[in-house]
Amino acid sequence: MDKKMDKKTTGIVAYITWIGLLVAFFAGDKEGAKFHINQALVIWLCYIINIIIGQIPFIGWILSAVIGVFLFVCLILGLISACNGEEKEVPLIGQIKILK
């Protein structure tokens, strides 16, 4: 019984926490939703970088807060795009391609 999530569901799940990204990558329609899996991967990797930036006193804290809001907005925009079945890149970081 090899049931996979469809393209739209896989795209939506990819944006819901990093665990959702892993589920989408391993159990979803990886080829059909490659765009959204890549977008979510870039956003989650930027979150990790943002956590590191947040360790820098004062300037890092302020910068991390601003970047955190930006990444949250990117996450919501990506999720809306996946829900609508569209392939719209998120602002600034959406052009980064990790998955070929």
PDB file of N, CA and C in Angstrom:
ATOM      1  N   MET A   1       0.840  -1.180   0.000  1.00  0.00           N
ATOM      2  CA  MET A   1       0.000   0.000   0.000  1.00  0.00           C
ATOM      3  C   MET A   1       0.887   1.245   0.000  1.00  0.00           C
ATOM      4  N   ASP A   2       1.256   1.687  -1.174  1.00  0.00           N
ATOM      5  CA  ASP A   2       2.167   2.810  -1.322  1.00  0.00           C
ATOM      6  C   ASP A   2       1.389   4.062  -1.707  1.00  0.00           C
ATOM      7  N   LYS A   3       0.756   4.654  -0.723  1.00  0.00           N
ATOM      8  CA  LYS A   3      -0.029   5.873  -0.966  1.00  0.00           C
ATOM      9  C   LYS A   3       0.844   7.089  -0.689  1.00  0.00           C
ATOM     10  N   LYS A   4       0.910   7.987  -1.650  1.00  0.00           N
ATOM     11  CA  LYS A   4       1.654   9.228  -1.477  1.00  0.00           C
ATOM     12  C   LYS A   4       0.678  10.393  -1.438  1.00  0.00           C
ATOM     13  N   MET A   5       1.118  11.458  -0.781  1.00  0.00           N
ATOM     14  CA  MET A   5       0.315  12.676  -0.776  1.00  0.00           C
ATOM     15  C   MET A   5       0.351  13.269  -2.186  1.00  0.00           C
ATOM     16  N   ASP A   6      -0.731  13.926  -2.562  1.00  0.00           N
ATOM     17  CA  ASP A   6      -0.740  14.576  -3.866  1.00  0.00           C
ATOM     18  C   ASP A   6       0.133  15.835  -3.833  1.00  0.00           C
ATOM     19  N   LYS A   7       0.307  16.421  -4.994  1.00  0.00           N
ATOM     20  CA  LYS A   7       1.195  17.579  -5.157  1.00  0.00           C
ATOM     21  C   LYS A   7       0.806  18.733  -4.237  1.00  0.00           C
ATOM     22  N   LYS A   8      -0.480  19.073  -4.186  1.00  0.00           N
ATOM     23  CA  LYS A   8      -0.941  20.211  -3.392  1.00  0.00           C
ATOM     24  C   LYS A   8      -0.736  19.956  -1.904  1.00  0.00           C
ATOM     25  N   THR A   9      -1.115  18.787  -1.429  1.00  0.00           N
ATOM     26  CA  THR A   9      -0.958  18.454  -0.016  1.00  0.00           C
ATOM     27  C   THR A   9       0.508  18.436   0.379  1.00  0.00           C
ATOM     28  N   THR A  10       1.348  17.880  -0.473  1.00  0.00           N
ATOM     29  CA  THR A  10       2.784  17.836  -0.204  1.00  0.00           C
ATOM     30  C   THR A  10       3.342  19.246  -0.069  1.00  0.00           C
ATOM     31  N   GLY A  11       2.932  20.145  -0.955  1.00  0.00           N
ATOM     32  CA  GLY A  11       3.388  21.534  -0.895  1.00  0.00           C
ATOM     33  C   GLY A  11       2.968  22.223   0.384  1.00  0.00           C
ATOM     34  N   ILE A  12       1.738  21.973   0.822  1.00  0.00           N
ATOM     35  CA  ILE A  12       1.234  22.594   2.055  1.00  0.00           C
ATOM     36  C   ILE A  12       1.982  22.060   3.271  1.00  0.00           C
ATOM     37  N   VAL A  13       2.133  20.748   3.352  1.00  0.00           N
ATOM     38  CA  VAL A  13       2.792  20.119   4.503  1.00  0.00           C
ATOM     39  C   VAL A  13       4.248  20.583   4.621  1.00  0.00           C
ATOM     40  N   ALA A  14       4.900  20.850   3.510  1.00  0.00           N
ATOM     41  CA  ALA A  14       6.315  21.260   3.528  1.00  0.00           C
ATOM     42  C   ALA A  14       6.533  22.543   4.328  1.00  0.00           C
ATOM     43  N   TYR A  15       5.547  23.419   4.358  1.00  0.00           N
ATOM     44  CA  TYR A  15       5.695  24.695   5.061  1.00  0.00           C
ATOM     45  C   TYR A  15       5.364  24.598   6.552  1.00  0.00           C
ATOM     46  N   ILE A  16       4.773  23.502   6.976  1.00  0.00           N
ATOM     47  CA  ILE A  16       4.344  23.371   8.369  1.00  0.00           C
ATOM     48  C   ILE A  16       5.443  22.691   9.179  1.00  0.00           C
ATOM     49  N   THR A  17       6.269  23.448   9.816  1.00  0.00           N
ATOM     50  CA  THR A  17       7.431  23.057  10.616  1.00  0.00           C
ATOM     51  C   THR A  17       8.444  22.267   9.793  1.00  0.00           C
ATOM     52  N   TRP A  18       9.627  22.115  10.331  1.00  0.00           N
ATOM     53  CA  TRP A  18      10.675  21.369   9.627  1.00  0.00           C
ATOM     54  C   TRP A  18      10.339  19.886   9.574  1.00  0.00           C
ATOM     55  N   ILE A  19       9.538  19.405  10.520  1.00  0.00           N
ATOM     56  CA  ILE A  19       9.101  18.004  10.475  1.00  0.00           C
ATOM     57  C   ILE A  19       8.172  17.799   9.272  1.00  0.00           C
ATOM     58  N   GLY A  20       7.298  18.760   9.015  1.00  0.00           N
ATOM     59  CA  GLY A  20       6.445  18.707   7.837  1.00  0.00           C
ATOM     60  C   GLY A  20       7.259  18.687   6.556  1.00  0.00           C
ATOM     61  N   LEU A  21       8.360  19.436   6.551  1.00  0.00           N
ATOM     62  CA  LEU A  21       9.254  19.430   5.392  1.00  0.00           C
ATOM     63  C   LEU A  21       9.820  18.033   5.161  1.00  0.00           C
ATOM     64  N   LEU A  22      10.245  17.383   6.236  1.00  0.00           N
ATOM     65  CA  LEU A  22      10.778  16.017   6.113  1.00  0.00           C
ATOM     66  C   LEU A  22       9.705  15.042   5.639  1.00  0.00           C
ATOM     67  N   VAL A  23       8.497  15.168   6.176  1.00  0.00           N
ATOM     68  CA  VAL A  23       7.389  14.302   5.754  1.00  0.00           C
ATOM     69  C   VAL A  23       7.103  14.514   4.274  1.00  0.00           C
ATOM     70  N   ALA A  24       7.054  15.773   3.854  1.00  0.00           N
ATOM     71  CA  ALA A  24       6.792  16.081   2.443  1.00  0.00           C
ATOM     72  C   ALA A  24       7.888  15.518   1.550  1.00  0.00           C
ATOM     73  N   PHE A  25       9.133  15.622   2.007  1.00  0.00           N
ATOM     74  CA  PHE A  25      10.260  15.159   1.206  1.00  0.00           C
ATOM     75  C   PHE A  25      10.260  13.640   1.048  1.00  0.00           C
ATOM     76  N   PHE A  26       9.972  12.930   2.131  1.00  0.00           N
ATOM     77  CA  PHE A  26      10.080  11.473   2.099  1.00  0.00           C
ATOM     78  C   PHE A  26       8.770  10.755   1.763  1.00  0.00           C
ATOM     79  N   ALA A  27       7.620  11.347   2.085  1.00  0.00           N
ATOM     80  CA  ALA A  27       6.355  10.640   1.884  1.00  0.00           C
ATOM     81  C   ALA A  27       5.436  11.305   0.868  1.00  0.00           C
ATOM     82  N   GLY A  28       5.842  12.433   0.337  1.00  0.00           N
ATOM     83  CA  GLY A  28       4.967  13.157  -0.574  1.00  0.00           C
ATOM     84  C   GLY A  28       5.353  12.996  -2.029  1.00  0.00           C
ATOM     85  N   ASP A  29       4.636  13.715  -2.870  1.00  0.00           N
ATOM     86  CA  ASP A  29       4.904  13.741  -4.305  1.00  0.00           C
ATOM     87  C   ASP A  29       6.095  14.676  -4.530  1.00  0.00           C
ATOM     88  N   LYS A  30       7.300  14.134  -4.357  1.00  0.00           N
ATOM     89  CA  LYS A  30       8.510  14.954  -4.389  1.00  0.00           C
ATOM     90  C   LYS A  30       8.700  15.636  -5.744  1.00  0.00           C
ATOM     91  N   GLU A  31       8.420  14.954  -6.812  1.00  0.00           N
ATOM     92  CA  GLU A  31       8.602  15.553  -8.138  1.00  0.00           C
ATOM     93  C   GLU A  31       7.563  16.632  -8.405  1.00  0.00           C
ATOM     94  N   GLY A  32       6.306  16.363  -8.062  1.00  0.00           N
ATOM     95  CA  GLY A  32       5.237  17.328  -8.330  1.00  0.00           C
ATOM     96  C   GLY A  32       5.332  18.578  -7.480  1.00  0.00           C
ATOM     97  N   ALA A  33       5.794  18.418  -6.244  1.00  0.00           N
ATOM     98  CA  ALA A  33       5.842  19.546  -5.314  1.00  0.00           C
ATOM     99  C   ALA A  33       7.269  20.020  -5.068  1.00  0.00           C
ATOM    100  N   LYS A  34       8.176  19.714  -5.967  1.00  0.00           N
ATOM    101  CA  LYS A  34       9.587  20.073  -5.792  1.00  0.00           C
ATOM    102  C   LYS A  34       9.758  21.571  -5.554  1.00  0.00           C
ATOM    103  N   PHE A  35       8.987  22.380  -6.239  1.00  0.00           N
ATOM    104  CA  PHE A  35       9.084  23.832  -6.079  1.00  0.00           C
ATOM    105  C   PHE A  35       8.829  24.232  -4.631  1.00  0.00           C
ATOM    106  N   HIS A  36       7.722  23.753  -4.064  1.00  0.00           N
ATOM    107  CA  HIS A  36       7.360  24.149  -2.697  1.00  0.00           C
ATOM    108  C   HIS A  36       8.280  23.503  -1.661  1.00  0.00           C
ATOM    109  N   ILE A  37       8.730  22.298  -1.903  1.00  0.00           N
ATOM    110  CA  ILE A  37       9.680  21.667  -0.987  1.00  0.00           C
ATOM    111  C   ILE A  37      10.970  22.482  -0.959  1.00  0.00           C
ATOM    112  N   ASN A  38      11.428  22.933  -2.119  1.00  0.00           N
ATOM    113  CA  ASN A  38      12.633  23.764  -2.191  1.00  0.00           C
ATOM    114  C   ASN A  38      12.429  25.093  -1.472  1.00  0.00           C
ATOM    115  N   GLN A  39      11.288  25.746  -1.710  1.00  0.00           N
ATOM    116  CA  GLN A  39      11.017  27.027  -1.056  1.00  0.00           C
ATOM    117  C   GLN A  39      10.995  26.871   0.462  1.00  0.00           C
ATOM    118  N   ALA A  40      10.327  25.829   0.940  1.00  0.00           N
ATOM    119  CA  ALA A  40      10.247  25.590   2.380  1.00  0.00           C
ATOM    120  C   ALA A  40      11.628  25.274   2.952  1.00  0.00           C
ATOM    121  N   LEU A  41      12.429  24.505   2.229  1.00  0.00           N
ATOM    122  CA  LEU A  41      13.777  24.168   2.672  1.00  0.00           C
ATOM    123  C   LEU A  41      14.628  25.437   2.825  1.00  0.00           C
ATOM    124  N   VAL A  42      14.550  26.319   1.866  1.00  0.00           N
ATOM    125  CA  VAL A  42      15.301  27.575   1.928  1.00  0.00           C
ATOM    126  C   VAL A  42      14.848  28.402   3.135  1.00  0.00           C
ATOM    127  N   ILE A  43      13.545  28.489   3.357  1.00  0.00           N
ATOM    128  CA  ILE A  43      13.030  29.264   4.489  1.00  0.00           C
ATOM    129  C   ILE A  43      13.508  28.669   5.810  1.00  0.00           C
ATOM    130  N   TRP A  44      13.420  27.341   5.964  1.00  0.00           N
ATOM    131  CA  TRP A  44      13.827  26.710   7.223  1.00  0.00           C
ATOM    132  C   TRP A  44      15.328  26.819   7.441  1.00  0.00           C
ATOM    133  N   LEU A  45      16.122  26.746   6.382  1.00  0.00           N
ATOM    134  CA  LEU A  45      17.565  26.938   6.538  1.00  0.00           C
ATOM    135  C   LEU A  45      17.878  28.381   6.945  1.00  0.00           C
ATOM    136  N   CYS A  46      17.130  29.321   6.406  1.00  0.00           N
ATOM    137  CA  CYS A  46      17.306  30.723   6.808  1.00  0.00           C
ATOM    138  C   CYS A  46      16.917  30.919   8.275  1.00  0.00           C
ATOM    139  N   TYR A  47      15.915  30.192   8.751  1.00  0.00           N
ATOM    140  CA  TYR A  47      15.562  30.240  10.171  1.00  0.00           C
ATOM    141  C   TYR A  47      16.737  29.776  11.035  1.00  0.00           C
ATOM    142  N   ILE A  48      17.420  28.731  10.614  1.00  0.00           N
ATOM    143  CA  ILE A  48      18.583  28.234  11.369  1.00  0.00           C
ATOM    144  C   ILE A  48      19.685  29.293  11.400  1.00  0.00           C
ATOM    145  N   ILE A  49      19.945  29.915  10.252  1.00  0.00           N
ATOM    146  CA  ILE A  49      20.941  30.995  10.191  1.00  0.00           C
ATOM    147  C   ILE A  49      20.517  32.150  11.090  1.00  0.00           C
ATOM    148  N   ASN A  50      19.208  32.430  11.117  1.00  0.00           N
ATOM    149  CA  ASN A  50      18.683  33.509  11.944  1.00  0.00           C
ATOM    150  C   ASN A  50      18.893  33.218  13.434  1.00  0.00           C
ATOM    151  N   ILE A  51      18.776  31.970  13.825  1.00  0.00           N
ATOM    152  CA  ILE A  51      19.025  31.602  15.223  1.00  0.00           C
ATOM    153  C   ILE A  51      20.484  31.896  15.587  1.00  0.00           C
ATOM    154  N   ILE A  52      21.381  31.603  14.658  1.00  0.00           N
ATOM    155  CA  ILE A  52      22.803  31.877  14.892  1.00  0.00           C
ATOM    156  C   ILE A  52      23.046  33.382  15.000  1.00  0.00           C
ATOM    157  N   ILE A  53      22.433  34.160  14.118  1.00  0.00           N
ATOM    158  CA  ILE A  53      22.559  35.625  14.160  1.00  0.00           C
ATOM    159  C   ILE A  53      22.032  36.162  15.488  1.00  0.00           C
ATOM    160  N   GLY A  54      20.976  35.547  15.992  1.00  0.00           N
ATOM    161  CA  GLY A  54      20.372  35.984  17.253  1.00  0.00           C
ATOM    162  C   GLY A  54      21.268  35.808  18.460  1.00  0.00           C
ATOM    163  N   GLN A  55      22.355  35.068  18.323  1.00  0.00           N
ATOM    164  CA  GLN A  55      23.289  34.865  19.434  1.00  0.00           C
ATOM    165  C   GLN A  55      24.241  36.051  19.614  1.00  0.00           C
ATOM    166  N   ILE A  56      24.294  36.928  18.632  1.00  0.00           N
ATOM    167  CA  ILE A  56      25.159  38.109  18.705  1.00  0.00           C
ATOM    168  C   ILE A  56      24.457  39.164  19.567  1.00  0.00           C
ATOM    169  N   PRO A  57      25.099  39.651  20.618  1.00  0.00           N
ATOM    170  CA  PRO A  57      24.445  40.640  21.487  1.00  0.00           C
ATOM    171  C   PRO A  57      24.055  41.930  20.749  1.00  0.00           C
ATOM    172  N   PHE A  58      22.964  42.499  21.175  1.00  0.00           N
ATOM    173  CA  PHE A  58      22.406  43.770  20.727  1.00  0.00           C
ATOM    174  C   PHE A  58      22.065  43.817  19.236  1.00  0.00           C
ATOM    175  N   ILE A  59      23.033  44.044  18.376  1.00  0.00           N
ATOM    176  CA  ILE A  59      22.768  44.155  16.933  1.00  0.00           C
ATOM    177  C   ILE A  59      22.148  42.857  16.412  1.00  0.00           C
ATOM    178  N   GLY A  60      22.694  41.733  16.820  1.00  0.00           N
ATOM    179  CA  GLY A  60      22.173  40.435  16.390  1.00  0.00           C
ATOM    180  C   GLY A  60      20.745  40.215  16.846  1.00  0.00           C
ATOM    181  N   TRP A  61      20.438  40.666  18.058  1.00  0.00           N
ATOM    182  CA  TRP A  61      19.082  40.496  18.578  1.00  0.00           C
ATOM    183  C   TRP A  61      18.079  41.284  17.746  1.00  0.00           C
ATOM    184  N   ILE A  62      18.429  42.518  17.431  1.00  0.00           N
ATOM    185  CA  ILE A  62      17.538  43.371  16.633  1.00  0.00           C
ATOM    186  C   ILE A  62      17.403  42.816  15.216  1.00  0.00           C
ATOM    187  N   LEU A  63      18.542  42.488  14.624  1.00  0.00           N
ATOM    188  CA  LEU A  63      18.552  41.938  13.264  1.00  0.00           C
ATOM    189  C   LEU A  63      17.777  40.624  13.206  1.00  0.00           C
ATOM    190  N   SER A  64      17.961  39.784  14.214  1.00  0.00           N
ATOM    191  CA  SER A  64      17.272  38.498  14.263  1.00  0.00           C
ATOM    192  C   SER A  64      15.756  38.681  14.352  1.00  0.00           C
ATOM    193  N   ALA A  65      15.324  39.671  15.095  1.00  0.00           N
ATOM    194  CA  ALA A  65      13.880  39.938  15.214  1.00  0.00           C
ATOM    195  C   ALA A  65      13.292  40.358  13.864  1.00  0.00           C
ATOM    196  N   VAL A  66      13.995  41.236  13.168  1.00  0.00           N
ATOM    197  CA  VAL A  66      13.531  41.709  11.857  1.00  0.00           C
ATOM    198  C   VAL A  66      13.519  40.558  10.848  1.00  0.00           C
ATOM    199  N   ILE A  67      14.602  39.793  10.831  1.00  0.00           N
ATOM    200  CA  ILE A  67      14.688  38.661   9.906  1.00  0.00           C
ATOM    201  C   ILE A  67      13.625  37.623  10.234  1.00  0.00           C
ATOM    202  N   GLY A  68      13.374  37.410  11.520  1.00  0.00           N
ATOM    203  CA  GLY A  68      12.351  36.446  11.949  1.00  0.00           C
ATOM    204  C   GLY A  68      10.972  36.812  11.431  1.00  0.00           C
ATOM    205  N   VAL A  69      10.625  38.088  11.507  1.00  0.00           N
ATOM    206  CA  VAL A  69       9.327  38.545  10.979  1.00  0.00           C
ATOM    207  C   VAL A  69       9.281  38.347   9.472  1.00  0.00           C
ATOM    208  N   PHE A  70      10.372  38.704   8.785  1.00  0.00           N
ATOM    209  CA  PHE A  70      10.443  38.529   7.331  1.00  0.00           C
ATOM    210  C   PHE A  70      10.260  37.058   6.954  1.00  0.00           C
ATOM    211  N   LEU A  71      10.946  36.161   7.654  1.00  0.00           N
ATOM    212  CA  LEU A  71      10.853  34.729   7.335  1.00  0.00           C
ATOM    213  C   LEU A  71       9.460  34.186   7.628  1.00  0.00           C
ATOM    214  N   PHE A  72       8.821  34.701   8.682  1.00  0.00           N
ATOM    215  CA  PHE A  72       7.450  34.277   8.981  1.00  0.00           C
ATOM    216  C   PHE A  72       6.510  34.707   7.857  1.00  0.00           C
ATOM    217  N   VAL A  73       6.685  35.921   7.366  1.00  0.00           N
ATOM    218  CA  VAL A  73       5.871  36.396   6.243  1.00  0.00           C
ATOM    219  C   VAL A  73       6.127  35.533   5.004  1.00  0.00           C
ATOM    220  N   CYS A  74       7.389  35.193   4.743  1.00  0.00           N
ATOM    221  CA  CYS A  74       7.722  34.315   3.616  1.00  0.00           C
ATOM    222  C   CYS A  74       7.039  32.958   3.769  1.00  0.00           C
ATOM    223  N   LEU A  75       7.027  32.429   4.985  1.00  0.00           N
ATOM    224  CA  LEU A  75       6.395  31.144   5.251  1.00  0.00           C
ATOM    225  C   LEU A  75       4.893  31.209   4.948  1.00  0.00           C
ATOM    226  N   ILE A  76       4.251  32.268   5.381  1.00  0.00           N
ATOM    227  CA  ILE A  76       2.810  32.436   5.131  1.00  0.00           C
ATOM    228  C   ILE A  76       2.544  32.600   3.634  1.00  0.00           C
ATOM    229  N   LEU A  77       3.361  33.410   2.948  1.00  0.00           N
ATOM    230  CA  LEU A  77       3.178  33.603   1.501  1.00  0.00           C
ATOM    231  C   LEU A  77       3.359  32.290   0.746  1.00  0.00           C
ATOM    232  N   GLY A  78       4.359  31.502   1.136  1.00  0.00           N
ATOM    233  CA  GLY A  78       4.582  30.206   0.508  1.00  0.00           C
ATOM    234  C   GLY A  78       3.419  29.262   0.758  1.00  0.00           C
ATOM    235  N   LEU A  79       2.912  29.263   1.979  1.00  0.00           N
ATOM    236  CA  LEU A  79       1.776  28.415   2.329  1.00  0.00           C
ATOM    237  C   LEU A  79       0.528  28.796   1.532  1.00  0.00           C
ATOM    238  N   ILE A  80       0.281  30.078   1.401  1.00  0.00           N
ATOM    239  CA  ILE A  80      -0.862  30.544   0.600  1.00  0.00           C
ATOM    240  C   ILE A  80      -0.695  30.129  -0.857  1.00  0.00           C
ATOM    241  N   SER A  81       0.516  30.273  -1.374  1.00  0.00           N
ATOM    242  CA  SER A  81       0.799  29.870  -2.747  1.00  0.00           C
ATOM    243  C   SER A  81       0.545  28.375  -2.944  1.00  0.00           C
ATOM    244  N   ALA A  82       0.987  27.559  -1.985  1.00  0.00           N
ATOM    245  CA  ALA A  82       0.769  26.106  -2.071  1.00  0.00           C
ATOM    246  C   ALA A  82      -0.717  25.769  -1.989  1.00  0.00           C
ATOM    247  N   CYS A  83      -1.437  26.460  -1.121  1.00  0.00           N
ATOM    248  CA  CYS A  83      -2.886  26.222  -0.987  1.00  0.00           C
ATOM    249  C   CYS A  83      -3.628  26.548  -2.278  1.00  0.00           C
ATOM    250  N   ASN A  84      -3.166  27.580  -2.978  1.00  0.00           N
ATOM    251  CA  ASN A  84      -3.796  27.984  -4.234  1.00  0.00           C
ATOM    252  C   ASN A  84      -3.294  27.182  -5.434  1.00  0.00           C
ATOM    253  N   GLY A  85      -2.337  26.302  -5.215  1.00  0.00           N
ATOM    254  CA  GLY A  85      -1.792  25.495  -6.301  1.00  0.00           C
ATOM    255  C   GLY A  85      -0.907  26.284  -7.252  1.00  0.00           C
ATOM    256  N   GLU A  86      -0.362  27.407  -6.770  1.00  0.00           N
ATOM    257  CA  GLU A  86       0.498  28.261  -7.596  1.00  0.00           C
ATOM    258  C   GLU A  86       1.961  28.030  -7.230  1.00  0.00           C
ATOM    259  N   GLU A  87       2.842  28.461  -8.082  1.00  0.00           N
ATOM    260  CA  GLU A  87       4.277  28.366  -7.819  1.00  0.00           C
ATOM    261  C   GLU A  87       4.884  29.762  -7.833  1.00  0.00           C
ATOM    262  N   LYS A  88       4.541  30.555  -6.812  1.00  0.00           N
ATOM    263  CA  LYS A  88       5.083  31.909  -6.681  1.00  0.00           C
ATOM    264  C   LYS A  88       6.266  31.881  -5.726  1.00  0.00           C
ATOM    265  N   GLU A  89       7.372  32.478  -6.149  1.00  0.00           N
ATOM    266  CA  GLU A  89       8.549  32.547  -5.292  1.00  0.00           C
ATOM    267  C   GLU A  89       8.314  33.519  -4.145  1.00  0.00           C
ATOM    268  N   VAL A  90       8.856  33.190  -2.977  1.00  0.00           N
ATOM    269  CA  VAL A  90       8.787  34.112  -1.848  1.00  0.00           C
ATOM    270  C   VAL A  90       9.790  35.238  -2.097  1.00  0.00           C
ATOM    271  N   PRO A  91       9.581  36.408  -1.483  1.00  0.00           N
ATOM    272  CA  PRO A  91      10.473  37.546  -1.734  1.00  0.00           C
ATOM    273  C   PRO A  91      11.926  37.279  -1.318  1.00  0.00           C
ATOM    274  N   LEU A  92      12.836  37.831  -2.049  1.00  0.00           N
ATOM    275  CA  LEU A  92      14.294  37.822  -1.813  1.00  0.00           C
ATOM    276  C   LEU A  92      14.943  36.445  -1.823  1.00  0.00           C
ATOM    277  N   ILE A  93      14.490  35.512  -1.011  1.00  0.00           N
ATOM    278  CA  ILE A  93      15.155  34.214  -0.889  1.00  0.00           C
ATOM    279  C   ILE A  93      14.539  33.160  -1.793  1.00  0.00           C
ATOM    280  N   GLY A  94      13.451  33.462  -2.455  1.00  0.00           N
ATOM    281  CA  GLY A  94      12.753  32.505  -3.291  1.00  0.00           C
ATOM    282  C   GLY A  94      13.510  32.061  -4.534  1.00  0.00           C
ATOM    283  N   GLN A  95      14.519  32.823  -4.918  1.00  0.00           N
ATOM    284  CA  GLN A  95      15.278  32.480  -6.123  1.00  0.00           C
ATOM    285  C   GLN A  95      16.365  31.446  -5.862  1.00  0.00           C
ATOM    286  N   ILE A  96      16.606  31.120  -4.598  1.00  0.00           N
ATOM    287  CA  ILE A  96      17.633  30.144  -4.239  1.00  0.00           C
ATOM    288  C   ILE A  96      17.106  28.751  -4.536  1.00  0.00           C
ATOM    289  N   LYS A  97      17.863  27.986  -5.294  1.00  0.00           N
ATOM    290  CA  LYS A  97      17.468  26.617  -5.652  1.00  0.00           C
ATOM    291  C   LYS A  97      18.448  25.638  -5.007  1.00  0.00           C
ATOM    292  N   ILE A  98      17.953  24.826  -4.101  1.00  0.00           N
ATOM    293  CA  ILE A  98      18.786  23.807  -3.456  1.00  0.00           C
ATOM    294  C   ILE A  98      18.521  22.447  -4.096  1.00  0.00           C
ATOM    295  N   LEU A  99      17.262  22.151  -4.323  1.00  0.00           N
ATOM    296  CA  LEU A  99      16.885  20.877  -4.960  1.00  0.00           C
ATOM    297  C   LEU A  99      16.868  21.055  -6.466  1.00  0.00           C
ATOM    298  N   LYS A 100      17.479  20.137  -7.144  1.00  0.00           N
ATOM    299  CA  LYS A 100      17.502  20.203  -8.618  1.00  0.00           C
ATOM    300  C   LYS A 100      16.363  19.376  -9.177  1.00  0.00           C
TER     301      LYS A 100
END
